[in-house]
Amino acid sequence: NSNEPTETPSATRTTKAIGNKAEDVAAEFLKAQGYEIPHRNWKTKYCEIDCIAENATTRYFVEVKYRSSANQGGGIAAITPKKLQQMHFAAELYMQKYPTTKQQLLLVAVVSKDESVELLEVI
């Protein structure tokens, strides 16, 4: 029947859907490593943090990058100086709202097509 809805093939998943899946994988990976995830997709009108992960001593501000192949370069390659500046700015805003004495670090979680996760600290 031509009035029935058609399904969208999975190959045409949107960038947002792929990003959301990568963020889910990264958050589950971090939880399995013993981190708590107090916030995901924390937003202000100025910025967004994909994930905040904490353990007893450290709070990480996590930027998640998905890479379908190694040919795209590592996730760290996607962190331009401008993006790094945005990450620092977002972390500062978050800290104003949720202060802590824990060490603060920026982290990039690179999720690959096979859903493996690589964590890279950013200075």
Protein backbone atom coordinates (compact mmCIF):
# COMPACT_ATOMS: atom_id res chain seq x y z
CA ASN A 1 0.00 0.00 0.00
CA SER A 2 1.49 3.36 -1.02
CA ASN A 3 0.12 5.06 2.11
CA GLU A 4 2.35 3.01 4.42
CA PRO A 5 5.42 4.78 5.79
CA THR A 6 8.73 3.68 4.38
CA GLU A 7 11.69 2.95 6.59
CA THR A 8 14.85 4.96 6.18
CA PRO A 9 17.82 2.70 5.48
CA SER A 10 20.39 2.64 8.28
CA ALA A 11 23.05 3.75 5.78
CA THR A 12 21.41 7.16 5.72
CA ARG A 13 21.63 7.72 9.46
CA THR A 14 22.13 11.36 10.26
CA THR A 15 25.37 12.78 11.58
CA LYS A 16 23.53 13.63 14.81
CA ALA A 17 22.34 10.03 15.24
CA ILE A 18 25.86 8.73 14.64
CA GLY A 19 27.24 11.28 17.11
CA ASN A 20 24.64 10.31 19.71
CA LYS A 21 25.55 6.63 19.33
CA ALA A 22 29.26 7.45 19.70
CA GLU A 23 28.48 9.44 22.86
CA ASP A 24 26.48 6.49 24.24
CA VAL A 25 29.41 4.14 23.55
CA ALA A 26 31.92 6.54 25.15
CA ALA A 27 29.74 7.06 28.26
CA GLU A 28 29.25 3.31 28.74
CA PHE A 29 33.00 2.76 28.30
CA LEU A 30 33.77 5.40 30.93
CA LYS A 31 31.22 3.91 33.34
CA ALA A 32 32.82 0.48 32.86
CA GLN A 33 36.17 2.08 33.77
CA GLY A 34 34.68 3.22 37.09
CA TYR A 35 33.79 6.81 36.23
CA GLU A 36 30.56 8.48 37.24
CA ILE A 37 28.78 10.50 34.54
CA PRO A 38 27.02 13.41 36.27
CA HIS A 39 26.08 15.09 32.98
CA ARG A 40 25.83 14.36 29.28
CA ASN A 41 25.25 16.99 26.61
CA TRP A 42 25.49 19.79 29.17
CA LYS A 43 24.52 22.96 27.32
CA THR A 44 24.39 26.69 27.72
CA LYS A 45 23.44 29.14 25.02
CA TYR A 46 27.18 29.52 24.36
CA CYS A 47 28.56 25.98 24.41
CA GLU A 48 28.08 22.26 24.99
CA ILE A 49 30.07 19.54 26.72
CA ASP A 50 29.43 16.02 25.38
CA CYS A 51 30.09 14.28 28.67
CA ILE A 52 31.42 14.99 32.15
CA ALA A 53 33.15 12.01 33.77
CA GLU A 54 34.46 11.90 37.32
CA ASN A 55 36.37 9.59 39.58
CA ALA A 56 37.58 10.19 43.15
CA THR A 57 40.30 12.64 42.14
CA THR A 58 39.59 13.97 38.66
CA ARG A 59 36.81 15.57 36.63
CA TYR A 60 37.08 15.11 32.88
CA PHE A 61 35.35 17.26 30.29
CA VAL A 62 34.91 14.85 27.42
CA GLU A 63 34.59 15.67 23.74
CA VAL A 64 33.47 12.61 21.76
CA LYS A 65 34.65 12.13 18.18
CA TYR A 66 33.50 9.33 15.88
CA ARG A 67 35.81 7.95 13.23
CA SER A 68 34.48 5.45 10.70
CA SER A 69 38.02 4.77 9.44
CA ALA A 70 41.61 5.53 10.36
CA ASN A 71 41.87 7.44 7.07
CA GLN A 72 39.91 10.29 8.69
CA GLY A 73 42.79 10.90 11.08
CA GLY A 74 42.66 10.39 14.80
CA GLY A 75 40.04 12.13 16.88
CA ILE A 76 42.67 14.45 18.24
CA ALA A 77 43.12 15.75 14.67
CA ALA A 78 39.54 17.04 14.86
CA ILE A 79 40.41 19.22 17.85
CA THR A 80 41.34 22.50 16.21
CA PRO A 81 42.75 25.38 18.25
CA LYS A 82 39.28 26.98 18.08
CA LYS A 83 37.61 23.78 19.36
CA LEU A 84 40.16 23.54 22.16
CA GLN A 85 39.36 27.14 23.12
CA GLN A 86 35.64 26.28 23.13
CA MET A 87 36.32 23.23 25.32
CA HIS A 88 38.21 25.35 27.85
CA PHE A 89 35.45 27.98 27.83
CA ALA A 90 32.74 25.34 28.37
CA ALA A 91 34.73 23.76 31.21
CA GLU A 92 35.10 27.15 32.90
CA LEU A 93 31.33 27.78 32.69
CA TYR A 94 30.62 24.31 34.08
CA MET A 95 33.04 24.91 36.95
CA GLN A 96 31.24 28.14 37.85
CA LYS A 97 28.03 26.18 38.25
CA TYR A 98 29.55 22.97 39.72
CA PRO A 99 32.75 23.88 41.60
CA THR A 100 35.07 21.13 42.81
CA THR A 101 38.55 20.70 44.19
CA LYS A 102 39.18 17.79 41.84
CA GLN A 103 41.79 18.09 39.14
CA GLN A 104 40.22 19.26 35.86
CA LEU A 105 41.29 17.73 32.54
CA LEU A 106 40.03 17.81 28.99
CA LEU A 107 39.59 14.45 27.33
CA VAL A 108 38.78 13.33 23.81
CA ALA A 109 37.05 9.97 23.46
CA VAL A 110 37.52 8.60 19.96
CA VAL A 111 34.91 6.02 19.04
CA SER A 112 35.64 3.88 15.98
CA LYS A 113 33.28 2.01 13.70
CA ASP A 114 33.75 -1.22 15.69
CA GLU A 115 32.74 0.76 18.85
CA SER A 116 36.20 0.58 20.39
CA VAL A 117 37.11 3.65 22.43
CA GLU A 118 40.44 5.44 22.71
CA LEU A 119 40.87 8.12 25.38
CA LEU A 120 43.24 11.02 24.74
CA GLU A 121 44.03 13.67 27.33
CA VAL A 122 44.26 17.20 25.99
CA ILE A 123 46.50 19.80 27.58
